[in-house]
Amino acid sequence: MNSFNHYAYGAIGAWLYGVVAGLEIDPERPGYKHILLQPRPGGSLASARARLASPHGEIVSAWRSGPRRFDWEIIVPANTTATARLPVPVKASITESGKPVEHAPGVTGIRRTKDAVTCQLVAGRYRFTAEWTEKK
């Protein structure tokens, strides 16, 4: 009988949740009171979906990427906040549930850098769509 309780299995799971799906604990605000959402798509992986049961409720990160497009569904549970980092170019056009991200309810602190757009989220459900014309 081989044991399936091995560190390697846990490490793979942690990588899938933390890197691929981008669900991470904020070390400055533990216990999922503040969530860091920062998926890192790459290679031939075109989509990922993860759900995590936290003490405050379910956290969801579901993304799909294509040529010059990134779609991301997020659920931030009640009584929590999140920092979301969209891995898109600085000039990407971003909407949340069809509205320009700058005017979307619950989205604040938008910051654009060369390879990402970061924003702060209150509890709720979000559907981001980012599109751009030039190569990333």
N, C-alpha and C. Protein backbone atom coordinates (compact mmCIF):
# COMPACT_ATOMS: atom_id res chain seq x y z
N MET A 1 0.85 -1.18 0.00
CA MET A 1 0.00 0.00 0.00
C MET A 1 0.88 1.24 0.00
N ASN A 2 0.66 2.13 -0.94
CA ASN A 2 1.36 3.40 -1.00
C ASN A 2 0.50 4.48 -0.38
N SER A 3 1.14 5.39 0.29
CA SER A 3 0.41 6.50 0.90
C SER A 3 0.21 7.61 -0.13
N PHE A 4 -1.00 8.17 -0.15
CA PHE A 4 -1.26 9.32 -0.99
C PHE A 4 -1.20 10.62 -0.19
N ASN A 5 -0.73 10.52 1.05
CA ASN A 5 -0.57 11.67 1.92
C ASN A 5 0.90 12.09 1.85
N HIS A 6 1.26 12.74 0.78
CA HIS A 6 2.65 13.10 0.54
C HIS A 6 2.75 14.59 0.24
N TYR A 7 3.85 15.19 0.66
CA TYR A 7 4.04 16.62 0.46
C TYR A 7 3.90 17.03 -1.01
N ALA A 8 4.38 16.22 -1.92
CA ALA A 8 4.34 16.58 -3.34
C ALA A 8 2.92 16.83 -3.82
N TYR A 9 1.94 16.06 -3.35
CA TYR A 9 0.56 16.27 -3.76
C TYR A 9 0.05 17.61 -3.23
N GLY A 10 0.37 17.94 -2.01
CA GLY A 10 -0.03 19.23 -1.44
C GLY A 10 0.64 20.39 -2.15
N ALA A 11 1.90 20.23 -2.52
CA ALA A 11 2.63 21.29 -3.20
C ALA A 11 2.02 21.57 -4.57
N ILE A 12 1.61 20.54 -5.27
CA ILE A 12 0.97 20.72 -6.57
C ILE A 12 -0.35 21.45 -6.40
N GLY A 13 -1.13 21.06 -5.42
CA GLY A 13 -2.39 21.72 -5.14
C GLY A 13 -2.20 23.19 -4.79
N ALA A 14 -1.21 23.48 -3.96
CA ALA A 14 -0.93 24.87 -3.57
C ALA A 14 -0.53 25.69 -4.79
N TRP A 15 0.25 25.10 -5.69
CA TRP A 15 0.67 25.80 -6.91
C TRP A 15 -0.55 26.07 -7.80
N LEU A 16 -1.43 25.09 -7.95
CA LEU A 16 -2.61 25.28 -8.79
C LEU A 16 -3.51 26.40 -8.24
N TYR A 17 -3.73 26.41 -6.94
CA TYR A 17 -4.56 27.46 -6.34
C TYR A 17 -3.85 28.81 -6.33
N GLY A 18 -2.60 28.84 -5.89
CA GLY A 18 -1.89 30.10 -5.70
C GLY A 18 -1.36 30.74 -6.97
N VAL A 19 -0.88 29.94 -7.91
CA VAL A 19 -0.28 30.49 -9.13
C VAL A 19 -1.26 30.46 -10.30
N VAL A 20 -1.77 29.29 -10.62
CA VAL A 20 -2.63 29.17 -11.80
C VAL A 20 -3.95 29.92 -11.58
N ALA A 21 -4.67 29.63 -10.50
CA ALA A 21 -5.93 30.31 -10.24
C ALA A 21 -5.72 31.69 -9.61
N GLY A 22 -4.62 31.87 -8.90
CA GLY A 22 -4.29 33.16 -8.31
C GLY A 22 -4.95 33.46 -6.99
N LEU A 23 -5.39 32.45 -6.25
CA LEU A 23 -6.01 32.65 -4.93
C LEU A 23 -4.94 32.58 -3.86
N GLU A 24 -4.67 33.72 -3.22
CA GLU A 24 -3.62 33.74 -2.21
C GLU A 24 -4.09 34.47 -0.96
N ILE A 25 -3.51 34.09 0.16
CA ILE A 25 -3.76 34.75 1.43
C ILE A 25 -2.90 36.00 1.50
N ASP A 26 -3.45 37.07 2.02
CA ASP A 26 -2.67 38.28 2.27
C ASP A 26 -1.96 38.09 3.60
N PRO A 27 -0.63 37.99 3.63
CA PRO A 27 0.08 37.73 4.88
C PRO A 27 -0.10 38.85 5.92
N GLU A 28 -0.45 40.05 5.47
CA GLU A 28 -0.66 41.16 6.40
C GLU A 28 -2.06 41.14 7.02
N ARG A 29 -2.99 40.42 6.40
CA ARG A 29 -4.37 40.30 6.90
C ARG A 29 -4.80 38.85 6.76
N PRO A 30 -4.32 37.97 7.64
CA PRO A 30 -4.58 36.53 7.50
C PRO A 30 -6.03 36.15 7.74
N GLY A 31 -6.32 34.89 7.48
CA GLY A 31 -7.66 34.36 7.71
C GLY A 31 -8.63 34.70 6.60
N TYR A 32 -8.12 35.04 5.41
CA TYR A 32 -8.93 35.37 4.25
C TYR A 32 -9.82 36.58 4.48
N LYS A 33 -9.43 37.48 5.38
CA LYS A 33 -10.18 38.73 5.56
C LYS A 33 -9.91 39.65 4.36
N HIS A 34 -8.70 39.54 3.81
CA HIS A 34 -8.33 40.23 2.57
C HIS A 34 -7.67 39.19 1.68
N ILE A 35 -8.10 39.12 0.43
CA ILE A 35 -7.64 38.08 -0.49
C ILE A 35 -6.80 38.72 -1.59
N LEU A 36 -5.74 38.04 -1.98
CA LEU A 36 -4.94 38.46 -3.12
C LEU A 36 -5.32 37.58 -4.29
N LEU A 37 -5.78 38.20 -5.36
CA LEU A 37 -6.20 37.47 -6.55
C LEU A 37 -5.26 37.88 -7.68
N GLN A 38 -4.40 36.96 -8.09
CA GLN A 38 -3.41 37.30 -9.12
C GLN A 38 -2.99 36.08 -9.92
N PRO A 39 -3.86 35.64 -10.84
CA PRO A 39 -3.51 34.48 -11.66
C PRO A 39 -2.34 34.80 -12.59
N ARG A 40 -1.61 33.76 -12.93
CA ARG A 40 -0.47 33.92 -13.84
C ARG A 40 -0.61 32.94 -15.00
N PRO A 41 -1.45 33.30 -15.98
CA PRO A 41 -1.61 32.41 -17.13
C PRO A 41 -0.32 32.35 -17.94
N GLY A 42 -0.13 31.25 -18.62
CA GLY A 42 1.05 31.12 -19.45
C GLY A 42 1.10 29.78 -20.15
N GLY A 43 2.04 29.67 -21.05
CA GLY A 43 2.18 28.43 -21.80
C GLY A 43 0.94 28.14 -22.60
N SER A 44 0.59 26.89 -22.68
CA SER A 44 -0.59 26.51 -23.46
C SER A 44 -1.87 26.46 -22.61
N LEU A 45 -1.78 26.83 -21.34
CA LEU A 45 -2.95 26.84 -20.47
C LEU A 45 -3.82 28.05 -20.82
N ALA A 46 -5.05 27.80 -21.25
CA ALA A 46 -5.94 28.87 -21.70
C ALA A 46 -7.03 29.22 -20.71
N SER A 47 -7.22 28.41 -19.66
CA SER A 47 -8.26 28.73 -18.69
C SER A 47 -8.02 27.96 -17.39
N ALA A 48 -8.63 28.48 -16.33
CA ALA A 48 -8.58 27.81 -15.02
C ALA A 48 -9.78 28.28 -14.21
N ARG A 49 -10.23 27.42 -13.33
CA ARG A 49 -11.33 27.75 -12.42
C ARG A 49 -11.03 27.11 -11.08
N ALA A 50 -11.11 27.90 -10.01
CA ALA A 50 -10.89 27.35 -8.66
C ALA A 50 -11.90 27.98 -7.72
N ARG A 51 -12.34 27.15 -6.78
CA ARG A 51 -13.23 27.59 -5.71
C ARG A 51 -12.59 27.19 -4.40
N LEU A 52 -12.65 28.09 -3.43
CA LEU A 52 -12.04 27.84 -2.14
C LEU A 52 -13.04 28.21 -1.04
N ALA A 53 -13.31 27.28 -0.15
CA ALA A 53 -14.21 27.55 0.98
C ALA A 53 -13.41 28.21 2.08
N SER A 54 -13.63 29.50 2.31
CA SER A 54 -12.93 30.23 3.36
C SER A 54 -13.86 30.37 4.56
N PRO A 55 -13.36 30.83 5.71
CA PRO A 55 -14.23 31.04 6.87
C PRO A 55 -15.34 32.06 6.62
N HIS A 56 -15.17 32.90 5.58
CA HIS A 56 -16.15 33.95 5.28
C HIS A 56 -17.09 33.59 4.15
N GLY A 57 -16.82 32.48 3.47
CA GLY A 57 -17.63 32.08 2.34
C GLY A 57 -16.76 31.66 1.17
N GLU A 58 -17.41 31.32 0.08
CA GLU A 58 -16.68 30.80 -1.08
C GLU A 58 -15.97 31.91 -1.86
N ILE A 59 -14.72 31.63 -2.20
CA ILE A 59 -13.91 32.51 -3.05
C ILE A 59 -13.79 31.81 -4.40
N VAL A 60 -14.00 32.55 -5.48
CA VAL A 60 -13.92 31.97 -6.83
C VAL A 60 -13.00 32.82 -7.70
N SER A 61 -12.18 32.12 -8.47
CA SER A 61 -11.37 32.75 -9.52
C SER A 61 -11.48 31.86 -10.74
N ALA A 62 -12.09 32.38 -11.81
CA ALA A 62 -12.26 31.60 -13.04
C ALA A 62 -11.86 32.49 -14.21
N TRP A 63 -10.77 32.15 -14.86
CA TRP A 63 -10.28 32.98 -15.96
C TRP A 63 -10.14 32.18 -17.25
N ARG A 64 -10.17 32.94 -18.34
CA ARG A 64 -9.97 32.38 -19.68
C ARG A 64 -9.18 33.43 -20.46
N SER A 65 -8.12 32.98 -21.13
CA SER A 65 -7.35 33.93 -21.92
C SER A 65 -7.28 33.46 -23.36
N GLY A 66 -7.20 34.44 -24.23
CA GLY A 66 -7.08 34.18 -25.65
C GLY A 66 -6.20 35.25 -26.26
N PRO A 67 -6.06 35.23 -27.56
CA PRO A 67 -5.25 36.27 -28.19
C PRO A 67 -5.82 37.66 -27.91
N ARG A 68 -5.07 38.44 -27.19
CA ARG A 68 -5.43 39.83 -26.88
C ARG A 68 -6.75 39.98 -26.12
N ARG A 69 -7.05 38.98 -25.27
CA ARG A 69 -8.27 39.03 -24.46
C ARG A 69 -8.06 38.23 -23.17
N PHE A 70 -8.64 38.73 -22.08
CA PHE A 70 -8.60 38.04 -20.80
C PHE A 70 -9.95 38.24 -20.13
N ASP A 71 -10.66 37.15 -19.82
CA ASP A 71 -11.93 37.19 -19.10
C ASP A 71 -11.72 36.58 -17.73
N TRP A 72 -12.30 37.21 -16.70
CA TRP A 72 -12.06 36.74 -15.34
C TRP A 72 -13.31 36.95 -14.50
N GLU A 73 -13.81 35.86 -13.94
CA GLU A 73 -14.93 35.92 -12.99
C GLU A 73 -14.36 35.74 -11.59
N ILE A 74 -14.80 36.61 -10.69
CA ILE A 74 -14.30 36.60 -9.31
C ILE A 74 -15.49 36.67 -8.37
N ILE A 75 -15.43 35.92 -7.28
CA ILE A 75 -16.38 36.09 -6.18
C ILE A 75 -15.56 36.37 -4.93
N VAL A 76 -15.86 37.50 -4.30
CA VAL A 76 -15.25 37.90 -3.04
C VAL A 76 -16.33 37.76 -1.98
N PRO A 77 -16.13 36.91 -0.96
CA PRO A 77 -17.20 36.67 0.02
C PRO A 77 -17.52 37.88 0.90
N ALA A 78 -18.68 37.82 1.53
CA ALA A 78 -19.15 38.89 2.41
C ALA A 78 -18.15 39.19 3.52
N ASN A 79 -18.09 40.45 3.89
CA ASN A 79 -17.23 40.93 4.98
C ASN A 79 -15.75 40.75 4.70
N THR A 80 -15.36 40.69 3.42
CA THR A 80 -13.95 40.63 3.04
C THR A 80 -13.70 41.63 1.92
N THR A 81 -12.43 41.82 1.62
CA THR A 81 -12.02 42.65 0.49
C THR A 81 -10.95 41.89 -0.27
N ALA A 82 -10.61 42.39 -1.45
CA ALA A 82 -9.59 41.72 -2.26
C ALA A 82 -8.80 42.72 -3.07
N THR A 83 -7.59 42.33 -3.39
CA THR A 83 -6.78 43.03 -4.38
C THR A 83 -6.71 42.12 -5.59
N ALA A 84 -7.15 42.61 -6.74
CA ALA A 84 -7.15 41.82 -7.97
C ALA A 84 -6.10 42.38 -8.92
N ARG A 85 -5.28 41.49 -9.45
CA ARG A 85 -4.24 41.88 -10.41
C ARG A 85 -4.54 41.18 -11.74
N LEU A 86 -4.99 41.97 -12.71
CA LEU A 86 -5.28 41.43 -14.04
C LEU A 86 -3.99 41.42 -14.85
N PRO A 87 -3.58 40.27 -15.36
CA PRO A 87 -2.33 40.17 -16.11
C PRO A 87 -2.50 40.61 -17.56
N VAL A 88 -2.73 41.92 -17.73
CA VAL A 88 -2.99 42.48 -19.06
C VAL A 88 -2.11 43.71 -19.28
N PRO A 89 -1.90 44.11 -20.53
CA PRO A 89 -1.07 45.29 -20.81
C PRO A 89 -1.70 46.57 -20.28
N VAL A 90 -0.86 47.57 -20.09
CA VAL A 90 -1.29 48.85 -19.54
C VAL A 90 -2.40 49.50 -20.36
N LYS A 91 -2.39 49.32 -21.67
CA LYS A 91 -3.38 49.98 -22.54
C LYS A 91 -4.62 49.12 -22.79
N ALA A 92 -4.78 48.04 -22.08
CA ALA A 92 -5.95 47.18 -22.27
C ALA A 92 -7.23 47.95 -21.92
N SER A 93 -8.27 47.71 -22.68
CA SER A 93 -9.59 48.24 -22.39
C SER A 93 -10.26 47.23 -21.46
N ILE A 94 -10.64 47.66 -20.26
CA ILE A 94 -11.18 46.75 -19.26
C ILE A 94 -12.58 47.16 -18.87
N THR A 95 -13.48 46.17 -18.87
CA THR A 95 -14.83 46.40 -18.38
C THR A 95 -15.12 45.42 -17.24
N GLU A 96 -16.06 45.79 -16.41
CA GLU A 96 -16.54 44.91 -15.35
C GLU A 96 -18.05 44.86 -15.51
N SER A 97 -18.56 43.68 -15.81
CA SER A 97 -20.00 43.49 -16.08
C SER A 97 -20.51 44.48 -17.12
N GLY A 98 -19.69 44.75 -18.14
CA GLY A 98 -20.08 45.60 -19.24
C GLY A 98 -19.83 47.09 -19.06
N LYS A 99 -19.43 47.51 -17.86
CA LYS A 99 -19.15 48.92 -17.60
C LYS A 99 -17.65 49.16 -17.59
N PRO A 100 -17.19 50.34 -18.02
CA PRO A 100 -15.76 50.63 -17.90
C PRO A 100 -15.32 50.44 -16.45
N VAL A 101 -14.18 49.80 -16.25
CA VAL A 101 -13.74 49.44 -14.90
C VAL A 101 -13.67 50.66 -13.98
N GLU A 102 -13.37 51.82 -14.54
CA GLU A 102 -13.27 53.05 -13.72
C GLU A 102 -14.61 53.46 -13.12
N HIS A 103 -15.71 52.96 -13.68
CA HIS A 103 -17.06 53.33 -13.20
C HIS A 103 -17.82 52.14 -12.61
N ALA A 104 -17.14 51.04 -12.40
CA ALA A 104 -17.79 49.84 -11.89
C ALA A 104 -17.98 49.91 -10.38
N PRO A 105 -19.17 49.60 -9.89
CA PRO A 105 -19.40 49.59 -8.45
C PRO A 105 -18.51 48.56 -7.75
N GLY A 106 -17.94 48.94 -6.62
CA GLY A 106 -17.12 48.02 -5.82
C GLY A 106 -15.67 47.94 -6.24
N VAL A 107 -15.31 48.62 -7.33
CA VAL A 107 -13.93 48.59 -7.83
C VAL A 107 -13.30 49.96 -7.59
N THR A 108 -12.19 49.98 -6.84
CA THR A 108 -11.50 51.23 -6.53
C THR A 108 -9.99 51.03 -6.68
N GLY A 109 -9.26 52.12 -6.52
CA GLY A 109 -7.80 52.06 -6.48
C GLY A 109 -7.17 51.45 -7.71
N ILE A 110 -7.67 51.76 -8.88
CA ILE A 110 -7.15 51.15 -10.11
C ILE A 110 -5.76 51.72 -10.40
N ARG A 111 -4.82 50.79 -10.62
CA ARG A 111 -3.44 51.17 -10.91
C ARG A 111 -2.95 50.38 -12.10
N ARG A 112 -2.45 51.07 -13.11
CA ARG A 112 -1.95 50.41 -14.33
C ARG A 112 -0.43 50.44 -14.35
N THR A 113 0.15 49.28 -14.64
CA THR A 113 1.59 49.17 -14.85
C THR A 113 1.81 48.52 -16.21
N LYS A 114 3.04 48.36 -16.60
CA LYS A 114 3.36 47.84 -17.92
C LYS A 114 2.67 46.50 -18.23
N ASP A 115 2.63 45.59 -17.27
CA ASP A 115 2.13 44.24 -17.54
C ASP A 115 0.95 43.82 -16.67
N ALA A 116 0.30 44.77 -16.01
CA ALA A 116 -0.85 44.39 -15.17
C ALA A 116 -1.68 45.62 -14.81
N VAL A 117 -2.93 45.34 -14.44
CA VAL A 117 -3.82 46.36 -13.89
C VAL A 117 -4.30 45.82 -12.55
N THR A 118 -4.10 46.61 -11.51
CA THR A 118 -4.44 46.19 -10.15
C THR A 118 -5.56 47.07 -9.63
N CYS A 119 -6.50 46.47 -8.89
CA CYS A 119 -7.59 47.23 -8.30
C CYS A 119 -8.01 46.59 -6.97
N GLN A 120 -8.76 47.35 -6.21
CA GLN A 120 -9.28 46.89 -4.93
C GLN A 120 -10.76 46.57 -5.11
N LEU A 121 -11.21 45.49 -4.47
CA LEU A 121 -12.59 45.04 -4.60
C LEU A 121 -13.24 44.87 -3.23
N VAL A 122 -14.51 45.24 -3.14
CA VAL A 122 -15.29 44.91 -1.95
C VAL A 122 -15.98 43.58 -2.23
N ALA A 123 -16.67 43.05 -1.25
CA ALA A 123 -17.36 41.77 -1.43
C ALA A 123 -18.35 41.86 -2.58
N GLY A 124 -18.40 40.78 -3.37
CA GLY A 124 -19.33 40.75 -4.49
C GLY A 124 -18.86 39.83 -5.60
N ARG A 125 -19.61 39.85 -6.69
CA ARG A 125 -19.30 39.05 -7.88
C ARG A 125 -18.87 40.03 -8.97
N TYR A 126 -17.77 39.68 -9.64
CA TYR A 126 -17.21 40.54 -10.68
C TYR A 126 -16.96 39.72 -11.94
N ARG A 127 -17.15 40.38 -13.09
CA ARG A 127 -16.85 39.76 -14.39
C ARG A 127 -16.05 40.76 -15.21
N PHE A 128 -14.74 40.58 -15.18
CA PHE A 128 -13.84 41.46 -15.90
C PHE A 128 -13.60 40.92 -17.31
N THR A 129 -13.55 41.85 -18.27
CA THR A 129 -13.15 41.52 -19.63
C THR A 129 -12.12 42.57 -20.04
N ALA A 130 -10.96 42.09 -20.48
CA ALA A 130 -9.90 42.98 -20.94
C ALA A 130 -9.57 42.62 -22.38
N GLU A 131 -9.44 43.65 -23.22
CA GLU A 131 -9.08 43.45 -24.62
C GLU A 131 -8.01 44.49 -24.98
N TRP A 132 -7.11 44.11 -25.87
CA TRP A 132 -6.06 45.00 -26.32
C TRP A 132 -5.69 44.68 -27.75
N THR A 133 -5.07 45.64 -28.42
CA THR A 133 -4.77 45.46 -29.84
C THR A 133 -3.33 45.04 -30.09
N GLU A 134 -2.41 45.48 -29.28
CA GLU A 134 -1.01 45.13 -29.51
C GLU A 134 -0.62 43.88 -28.74
N LYS A 135 0.49 43.28 -29.15
CA LYS A 135 0.97 42.09 -28.44
C LYS A 135 1.35 42.44 -27.03
N LYS A 136 1.15 41.51 -26.13
CA LYS A 136 1.43 41.69 -24.71
C LYS A 136 2.91 41.79 -24.44
